[in-house]
Protein backbone atom coordinates (compact mmCIF):
# COMPACT_ATOMS: atom_id res chain seq x y z
CA MET A 1 0.08 0.04 0.33
CA ALA A 2 2.66 2.37 0.77
CA ASP A 3 5.22 1.92 -1.89
CA GLU A 4 1.80 2.27 -4.09
CA VAL A 5 1.03 5.40 -2.79
CA LEU A 6 4.40 6.80 -3.17
CA SER A 7 4.80 5.79 -6.87
CA MET A 8 1.60 7.85 -7.17
CA ILE A 9 3.11 10.65 -5.70
CA ALA A 10 6.01 10.57 -7.83
CA SER A 11 4.24 9.98 -10.64
CA ALA A 12 1.98 12.66 -10.10
CA ARG A 13 2.20 16.20 -12.64
CA LEU A 14 3.31 19.20 -11.06
CA ILE A 15 0.60 22.43 -10.79
CA PRO A 16 3.03 25.13 -10.42
CA PRO A 17 1.29 28.69 -7.78
CA PRO A 18 0.09 31.60 -9.87
CA GLU A 19 2.88 33.22 -10.43
CA ALA A 20 1.90 36.45 -8.20
CA TYR A 21 1.75 33.89 -5.24
CA ALA A 22 5.09 32.19 -5.92
CA ALA A 23 6.46 35.56 -5.67
CA ARG A 24 5.63 36.68 -2.57
CA SER A 25 6.15 33.18 -0.87
CA TYR A 26 9.16 31.80 0.88
CA LEU A 27 10.52 29.67 -1.73
CA SER A 28 9.63 31.33 -5.09
CA SER A 29 10.24 28.39 -7.36
CA TYR A 30 10.23 24.69 -7.75
CA ASP A 31 14.05 25.11 -8.38
CA GLU A 32 14.68 27.12 -5.37
CA TYR A 33 12.24 24.41 -3.66
CA ARG A 34 14.98 21.49 -4.78
CA ALA A 35 17.83 23.28 -4.05
CA ARG A 36 16.97 24.26 -0.41
CA TYR A 37 15.90 20.94 -0.17
CA GLN A 38 19.05 19.16 -1.61
CA ALA A 39 21.14 21.52 0.67
CA SER A 40 19.24 19.97 3.68
CA ILE A 41 20.24 16.68 3.01
CA ASP A 42 24.04 17.31 2.50
CA ASP A 43 24.60 19.55 5.42
CA PRO A 44 21.33 19.54 7.67
CA ALA A 45 23.31 21.49 10.59
CA ALA A 46 24.33 24.55 7.88
CA PHE A 47 21.04 24.29 6.62
CA TRP A 48 19.03 24.69 10.04
CA ASP A 49 21.66 26.93 11.63
CA GLU A 50 20.21 29.57 8.33
CA ILE A 51 16.85 28.53 9.07
CA ALA A 52 17.19 29.06 12.88
CA ASP A 53 18.48 32.80 12.11
CA GLU A 54 15.20 33.87 11.06
CA LEU A 55 13.62 33.05 14.86
CA VAL A 56 14.14 35.52 17.82
CA TRP A 57 16.11 33.40 20.48
CA GLN A 58 16.38 34.10 23.87
CA GLN A 59 20.37 32.34 23.83
CA ARG A 60 21.30 30.36 21.64
CA GLY A 61 24.21 28.16 21.68
CA LYS A 62 26.44 27.14 18.94
CA THR A 63 25.95 23.50 18.52
CA VAL A 64 22.93 23.09 15.95
CA ILE A 65 22.35 18.98 16.38
CA ALA A 66 24.03 16.85 18.91
CA GLY A 67 23.83 13.38 18.72
CA GLU A 68 22.69 11.05 15.81
CA LEU A 69 18.77 9.34 15.37
CA PRO A 70 17.01 8.18 16.86
CA ASP A 71 18.51 10.28 20.06
CA PHE A 72 19.65 13.72 18.91
CA GLN A 73 19.07 17.31 20.02
CA PHE A 74 18.40 20.30 17.82
CA PHE A 75 19.89 23.59 19.65
CA PRO A 76 20.92 22.02 22.66
CA GLY A 77 20.97 24.69 25.54
CA SER A 78 19.04 26.94 23.28
CA TYR A 79 16.06 28.42 24.29
CA ILE A 80 13.05 30.97 22.31
CA ASN A 81 9.94 32.25 23.16
CA VAL A 82 7.39 30.39 21.10
CA CYS A 83 4.72 33.20 21.87
CA GLU A 84 7.10 35.54 20.64
CA ASN A 85 8.01 33.53 17.12
CA CYS A 86 4.82 32.62 16.30
CA VAL A 87 2.59 34.76 17.48
CA ASP A 88 4.14 38.30 17.99
CA ARG A 89 6.06 38.08 14.45
CA GLN A 90 2.73 37.72 12.67
CA ALA A 91 1.45 40.80 14.42
CA LYS A 92 4.00 42.91 13.31
CA HIS A 93 3.03 41.91 9.88
CA PRO A 94 -0.43 43.00 7.75
CA MET A 95 -1.81 39.38 8.27
CA TYR A 96 -4.31 39.12 10.87
CA ALA A 97 -3.90 37.17 13.78
CA THR A 98 -7.45 36.88 14.61
CA ARG A 99 -10.39 36.80 12.29
CA TRP A 100 -13.89 37.05 13.64
CA ARG A 101 -17.47 36.80 11.58
CA SER A 102 -20.93 37.63 13.44
CA SER A 103 -23.08 34.81 12.84
CA SER A 104 -25.89 37.31 13.26
CA ARG A 105 -25.14 40.34 11.27
CA GLY A 106 -22.35 38.84 8.80
CA ARG A 107 -19.65 41.43 9.72
CA THR A 108 -16.57 40.76 9.47
CA ALA A 109 -13.47 42.16 12.18
CA ASN A 110 -9.81 41.73 12.11
CA ALA A 111 -7.92 42.31 14.89
CA ALA A 112 -3.49 42.38 14.30
CA ALA A 113 -3.57 41.19 17.61
């Protein structure tokens, strides 16, 4: 069953997103995605160190990956504030943290945080 599913996925037709969407996305093309994916395979520590630069850290150690599968750690001894990285950073951008819709009046309101 799993082999059949993987085969279907591998043979699936690639449908690219609209150009306007891709232009403002984290990765703007399939080629860029493949390059980043390959970088994550070739040197996982360097890949995750680069990704970690996007976070706000309370304390960041120098070690990226300690140990080996299945017993390993990412960024041992490092600390982040999850709320600051997941909620607060979204409130600083023009996206909405909360969207409310009135069921009785059909009105919509947005709150940035």
